[in-house]
Amino acid sequence: MSSGSQPSASGAAIPDEVYGDSIFDHGRDTEVSRLSALTEELDPVTWQCLQAVGVAAHWHCLELGAGTGTVSERLARVCHQGSVLATDLDLTYLPPPDDTNLTVRRHDVTAEDLPTESFDLIHARYLLCHLRERNQVLRKVVSWLKPGGWLLLEEPAQFPITSSPHSAYHTVSMGIFSVLAERIGTDCHWARHLPQSMAAAGLTEIGVHVTSSLVGGDRPMSRFWRLTLEQLAPHIVDGGHATAAQVREVATQLADAGFHDLGMATVSVWGRKEEMP
């Protein structure tokens, strides 16, 4: 994929970089640590939601944007009579192919299709918010569900940080969201509308779970946010979103066990595709 931006008809810049081109590149030394911190924070939440769905041993499952593969590997153990397909644009952190029921495949969800009505469960976490085509992708993903199949989407939401009482933390974190929106088209407001979006895509039995996170010290979300800031700091400062001094202050706060504030929320929404009468 190319990087940078091109002007729109109105003169505004349209980003043409995608997640992983340079921002969040898997070749970066700290990227696996950043993703592993998010995994530590969110895997228990994901499994709480999957238990609400009721995963069965014979299910055929798809995980989009599988990342480090922890959810896919556990799904493969639970669905031991079925199968799990784990996909991502970059397979660096996913387990190598073996003789189990877990298959790993490079797949671009924005450009490539999968067979319709193929999966009992489709899961994606922190994926669609980074796709400019997120609404079209949602409709396409729903078509891959079998009648009666479940979709579980988990997306970050910035609203807890918007109300932060810590000035530098608020300013710098808003800078992170702005850089991601400008560079790769990320929308961390989108999750707030996810229940309605999934219902509009034809899913029923909608369930919602919202998780708050804490930052400060060695908490997983704090490590994730600190490593995200470390990577995006030059863009935040160069783009005028925050000063270098504010960035240093927040990096220190995030590493301080005595600092307490809310990180991003995670909005987990599941819904079922209606069975044929």
Protein backbone atom coordinates (compact mmCIF):
# COMPACT_ATOMS: atom_id res chain seq x y z
CA MET A 1 0.00 0.00 0.00
CA SER A 2 1.11 3.55 -0.61
CA SER A 3 1.60 6.17 2.10
CA GLY A 4 0.73 9.84 2.29
CA SER A 5 -2.41 11.59 1.14
CA GLN A 6 -4.06 12.95 -1.97
CA PRO A 7 -6.34 16.00 -2.27
CA SER A 8 -10.08 15.52 -2.56
CA ALA A 9 -12.30 17.59 -4.82
CA SER A 10 -12.76 20.05 -1.94
CA GLY A 11 -9.00 20.35 -1.45
CA ALA A 12 -8.95 18.39 1.83
CA ALA A 13 -6.37 15.65 2.16
CA ILE A 14 -7.60 12.08 1.88
CA PRO A 15 -5.24 9.55 3.56
CA ASP A 16 -4.17 6.63 1.40
CA GLU A 17 -1.98 4.93 4.00
CA VAL A 18 -3.43 1.89 5.72
CA TYR A 19 -2.79 0.27 9.09
CA GLY A 20 0.61 -1.43 9.00
CA ASP A 21 2.13 0.52 6.12
CA SER A 22 4.32 2.56 8.47
CA ILE A 23 2.11 3.21 11.50
CA PHE A 24 1.82 -0.05 13.46
CA ASP A 25 4.22 -1.82 11.12
CA HIS A 26 4.87 -5.36 12.41
CA GLY A 27 8.56 -4.93 11.64
CA ARG A 28 8.88 -2.37 14.44
CA ASP A 29 10.71 -3.76 17.49
CA THR A 30 8.04 -2.73 19.99
CA GLU A 31 4.95 -3.70 17.99
CA VAL A 32 4.59 -7.22 19.36
CA SER A 33 4.83 -5.82 22.91
CA ARG A 34 2.17 -3.21 22.10
CA LEU A 35 -0.23 -5.81 20.68
CA SER A 36 0.51 -8.26 23.50
CA ALA A 37 -0.44 -5.61 26.06
CA LEU A 38 -3.77 -5.15 24.30
CA THR A 39 -4.23 -8.92 24.21
CA GLU A 40 -3.62 -9.11 27.96
CA GLU A 41 -6.20 -6.37 28.54
CA LEU A 42 -8.91 -7.66 26.21
CA ASP A 43 -8.72 -11.45 25.89
CA PRO A 44 -10.75 -11.96 29.11
CA VAL A 45 -13.37 -9.54 27.76
CA THR A 46 -13.52 -11.33 24.43
CA TRP A 47 -14.07 -14.69 26.10
CA GLN A 48 -16.75 -13.30 28.36
CA CYS A 49 -18.59 -12.16 25.22
CA LEU A 50 -18.02 -15.46 23.41
CA GLN A 51 -19.46 -17.31 26.38
CA ALA A 52 -22.55 -15.09 26.09
CA VAL A 53 -22.83 -16.13 22.43
CA GLY A 54 -22.37 -19.80 23.33
CA VAL A 55 -19.54 -21.14 21.16
CA ALA A 56 -20.07 -24.81 20.25
CA ALA A 57 -17.49 -27.52 19.57
CA HIS A 58 -18.65 -28.12 15.99
CA TRP A 59 -18.60 -24.46 14.87
CA HIS A 60 -16.64 -23.15 11.89
CA CYS A 61 -15.12 -19.81 12.90
CA LEU A 62 -13.40 -16.88 11.24
CA GLU A 63 -11.21 -14.34 13.02
CA LEU A 64 -10.41 -11.22 11.03
CA GLY A 65 -7.31 -9.23 11.93
CA ALA A 66 -6.14 -12.06 14.14
CA GLY A 67 -3.03 -10.21 15.38
CA THR A 68 -1.04 -12.38 17.80
CA GLY A 69 -3.42 -15.33 17.38
CA THR A 70 -4.39 -15.89 21.01
CA VAL A 71 -8.14 -15.80 20.35
CA SER A 72 -7.85 -17.99 17.25
CA GLU A 73 -5.78 -20.60 19.06
CA ARG A 74 -8.24 -20.82 21.95
CA LEU A 75 -11.19 -20.97 19.54
CA ALA A 76 -9.47 -23.88 17.77
CA ARG A 77 -9.27 -25.76 21.06
CA VAL A 78 -12.89 -25.04 21.96
CA CYS A 79 -14.22 -25.78 18.44
CA HIS A 80 -12.27 -29.02 18.20
CA GLN A 81 -14.92 -30.67 16.02
CA GLY A 82 -15.07 -27.64 13.70
CA SER A 83 -12.46 -25.28 12.28
CA VAL A 84 -10.96 -21.82 12.70
CA LEU A 85 -9.65 -19.58 9.91
CA ALA A 86 -7.39 -16.79 11.22
CA THR A 87 -6.67 -13.98 8.77
CA ASP A 88 -4.60 -10.82 8.77
CA LEU A 89 -2.69 -8.60 6.34
CA ASP A 90 0.54 -9.46 8.17
CA LEU A 91 1.00 -12.99 9.50
CA THR A 92 4.22 -12.27 11.42
CA TYR A 93 2.76 -12.91 14.88
CA LEU A 94 0.36 -15.71 13.99
CA PRO A 95 1.22 -19.37 14.67
CA PRO A 96 2.72 -21.37 11.77
CA PRO A 97 0.49 -23.89 9.99
CA ASP A 98 0.22 -27.30 11.67
CA ASP A 99 -2.08 -30.32 11.65
CA THR A 100 -4.76 -28.86 13.91
CA ASN A 101 -8.08 -27.36 12.88
CA LEU A 102 -6.56 -23.85 12.79
CA THR A 103 -5.74 -22.36 9.37
CA VAL A 104 -3.84 -19.10 8.91
CA ARG A 105 -4.26 -17.05 5.74
CA ARG A 106 -3.24 -13.61 4.52
CA HIS A 107 -6.43 -11.81 3.60
CA ASP A 108 -7.42 -8.20 2.89
CA VAL A 109 -10.99 -7.86 4.15
CA THR A 110 -11.47 -4.62 2.19
CA ALA A 111 -10.60 -6.17 -1.18
CA GLU A 112 -11.04 -9.94 -0.96
CA ASP A 113 -14.18 -11.98 -0.48
CA LEU A 114 -14.91 -15.26 1.27
CA PRO A 115 -17.71 -17.74 0.50
CA THR A 116 -21.14 -16.62 1.62
CA GLU A 117 -22.88 -18.43 4.49
CA SER A 118 -19.69 -20.25 5.54
CA PHE A 119 -19.18 -19.45 9.23
CA ASP A 120 -21.02 -20.06 12.50
CA LEU A 121 -18.97 -17.33 14.18
CA ILE A 122 -17.00 -14.35 12.91
CA HIS A 123 -14.93 -12.27 15.32
CA ALA A 124 -12.89 -9.10 14.85
CA ARG A 125 -11.29 -6.89 17.47
CA TYR A 126 -9.97 -3.35 16.97
CA LEU A 127 -10.14 -3.83 13.20
CA LEU A 128 -13.04 -2.07 11.51
CA CYS A 129 -12.34 1.27 13.21
CA HIS A 130 -9.10 1.42 11.19
CA LEU A 131 -10.82 0.75 7.84
CA ARG A 132 -12.19 3.66 5.85
CA GLU A 133 -14.56 1.14 4.20
CA ARG A 134 -15.81 -0.06 7.61
CA ASN A 135 -19.54 0.13 6.86
CA GLN A 136 -19.21 -1.72 3.54
CA VAL A 137 -16.96 -4.30 5.20
CA LEU A 138 -19.54 -4.85 7.94
CA ARG A 139 -22.23 -5.68 5.39
CA LYS A 140 -19.88 -7.98 3.50
CA VAL A 141 -18.84 -9.82 6.67
CA VAL A 142 -22.48 -10.42 7.59
CA SER A 143 -22.95 -12.17 4.23
CA TRP A 144 -20.27 -14.69 5.23
CA LEU A 145 -22.30 -15.86 8.23
CA LYS A 146 -24.39 -18.99 8.02
CA PRO A 147 -28.08 -18.48 8.85
CA GLY A 148 -28.12 -18.58 12.66
CA GLY A 149 -24.45 -17.59 12.82
CA TRP A 150 -23.02 -14.96 15.16
CA LEU A 151 -20.87 -11.88 14.58
CA LEU A 152 -18.85 -10.42 17.48
CA LEU A 153 -17.16 -7.07 16.88
CA GLU A 154 -15.06 -5.29 19.51
CA GLU A 155 -13.98 -1.70 18.85
CA PRO A 156 -12.22 1.05 20.80
CA ALA A 157 -14.10 4.16 21.87
CA GLN A 158 -12.45 7.41 22.91
CA PHE A 159 -15.25 8.90 25.00
CA PRO A 160 -13.72 8.13 28.45
CA ILE A 161 -10.57 10.06 27.50
CA THR A 162 -12.57 12.99 26.14
CA SER A 163 -13.62 13.86 29.69
CA SER A 164 -10.19 13.37 31.32
CA PRO A 165 -9.38 15.87 34.10
CA HIS A 166 -5.64 15.64 33.28
CA SER A 167 -4.91 18.36 30.73
CA ALA A 168 -1.76 16.97 29.12
CA TYR A 169 -3.12 13.41 29.00
CA HIS A 170 -6.31 14.68 27.36
CA THR A 171 -4.45 16.83 24.81
CA VAL A 172 -1.89 14.20 23.84
CA SER A 173 -4.44 11.40 23.64
CA MET A 174 -6.67 13.52 21.40
CA GLY A 175 -3.54 14.03 19.32
CA ILE A 176 -3.19 10.26 18.96
CA PHE A 177 -6.76 9.99 17.69
CA SER A 178 -6.23 12.90 15.30
CA VAL A 179 -3.03 11.46 13.82
CA LEU A 180 -4.67 8.06 13.28
CA ALA A 181 -7.66 9.72 11.61
CA GLU A 182 -5.45 11.84 9.38
CA ARG A 183 -2.96 9.12 8.43
CA ILE A 184 -5.01 5.92 8.14
CA GLY A 185 -8.63 7.00 8.51
CA THR A 186 -9.23 5.55 11.99
CA ASP A 187 -12.55 6.47 13.63
CA CYS A 188 -12.73 5.88 17.39
CA HIS A 189 -16.23 7.37 17.53
CA TRP A 190 -17.63 4.62 15.30
CA ALA A 191 -17.97 2.08 18.12
CA ARG A 192 -20.56 4.29 19.80
CA HIS A 193 -22.93 3.51 16.91
CA LEU A 194 -22.02 -0.15 16.56
CA PRO A 195 -25.21 -1.69 18.02
CA GLN A 196 -27.32 0.31 15.56
CA SER A 197 -24.96 -0.47 12.67
CA MET A 198 -25.13 -4.21 13.31
CA ALA A 199 -28.91 -4.13 13.59
CA ALA A 200 -29.07 -2.16 10.34
CA ALA A 201 -26.90 -4.85 8.71
CA GLY A 202 -29.66 -7.35 9.44
CA LEU A 203 -28.48 -8.94 12.68
CA THR A 204 -30.83 -9.71 15.56
CA GLU A 205 -30.47 -10.67 19.26
CA ILE A 206 -28.04 -7.78 19.66
CA GLY A 207 -25.94 -7.90 22.83
CA VAL A 208 -23.59 -5.21 24.13
CA HIS A 209 -20.78 -5.18 26.68
CA VAL A 210 -18.76 -2.02 27.39
CA THR A 211 -15.42 -2.33 29.17
CA SER A 212 -13.57 0.51 30.89
CA SER A 213 -9.80 0.46 31.21
CA LEU A 214 -7.32 2.16 33.53
CA VAL A 215 -3.96 3.65 32.66
CA GLY A 216 -0.96 4.34 34.85
CA GLY A 217 1.99 2.13 35.80
CA ASP A 218 2.26 -1.42 34.48
CA ARG A 219 -1.42 -1.92 33.64
CA PRO A 220 -1.84 -3.55 30.22
CA MET A 221 -3.80 -0.66 28.67
CA SER A 222 -1.23 1.76 30.03
CA ARG A 223 1.58 -0.16 28.31
CA PHE A 224 -0.45 -0.30 25.10
CA TRP A 225 -1.13 3.44 25.15
CA ARG A 226 2.44 4.35 26.09
CA LEU A 227 3.86 2.29 23.20
CA THR A 228 1.27 3.78 20.86
CA LEU A 229 2.30 7.27 21.99
CA GLU A 230 5.98 6.42 21.60
CA GLN A 231 5.37 5.49 17.98
CA LEU A 232 3.13 8.43 17.09
CA ALA A 233 4.89 11.17 19.10
CA PRO A 234 6.71 12.75 16.11
CA HIS A 235 3.43 12.98 14.15
CA ILE A 236 1.60 14.45 17.15
CA VAL A 237 4.20 17.19 17.62
CA ASP A 238 4.82 17.90 13.93
CA GLY A 239 1.06 18.10 13.33
CA GLY A 240 0.62 20.69 16.07
CA HIS A 241 -1.64 18.49 18.18
CA ALA A 242 0.53 18.76 21.32
CA THR A 243 3.94 20.04 22.35
CA ALA A 244 7.02 17.88 22.88
CA ALA A 245 6.89 18.81 26.58
CA GLN A 246 3.30 17.56 26.84
CA VAL A 247 4.24 14.30 25.14
CA ARG A 248 7.11 13.76 27.61
CA GLU A 249 4.80 14.56 30.54
CA VAL A 250 2.22 12.00 29.41
CA ALA A 251 4.84 9.32 28.75
CA THR A 252 6.01 9.81 32.34
CA GLN A 253 2.44 9.72 33.68
CA LEU A 254 1.64 6.48 31.84
CA ALA A 255 4.67 4.79 33.41
CA ASP A 256 3.82 6.08 36.91
CA ALA A 257 1.92 3.64 39.15
CA GLY A 258 0.57 6.64 41.07
CA PHE A 259 -1.18 8.05 37.98
CA HIS A 260 -4.80 7.00 37.55
CA ASP A 261 -7.07 7.84 34.64
CA LEU A 262 -9.37 6.10 32.20
CA GLY A 263 -8.07 4.69 28.95
CA MET A 264 -10.15 3.87 25.92
CA ALA A 265 -13.36 1.93 26.37
CA THR A 266 -13.98 -1.23 24.39
CA VAL A 267 -17.45 -1.66 22.94
CA SER A 268 -18.20 -5.34 22.28
CA VAL A 269 -21.34 -6.03 20.26
CA TRP A 270 -22.68 -9.35 19.05
CA GLY A 271 -25.62 -10.22 16.84
CA ARG A 272 -27.12 -13.20 15.08
CA LYS A 273 -28.04 -13.70 11.45
CA GLU A 274 -31.64 -14.83 11.20
CA GLU A 275 -32.24 -18.42 10.23
CA MET A 276 -34.29 -19.20 7.16
CA PRO A 277 -37.97 -19.93 7.96
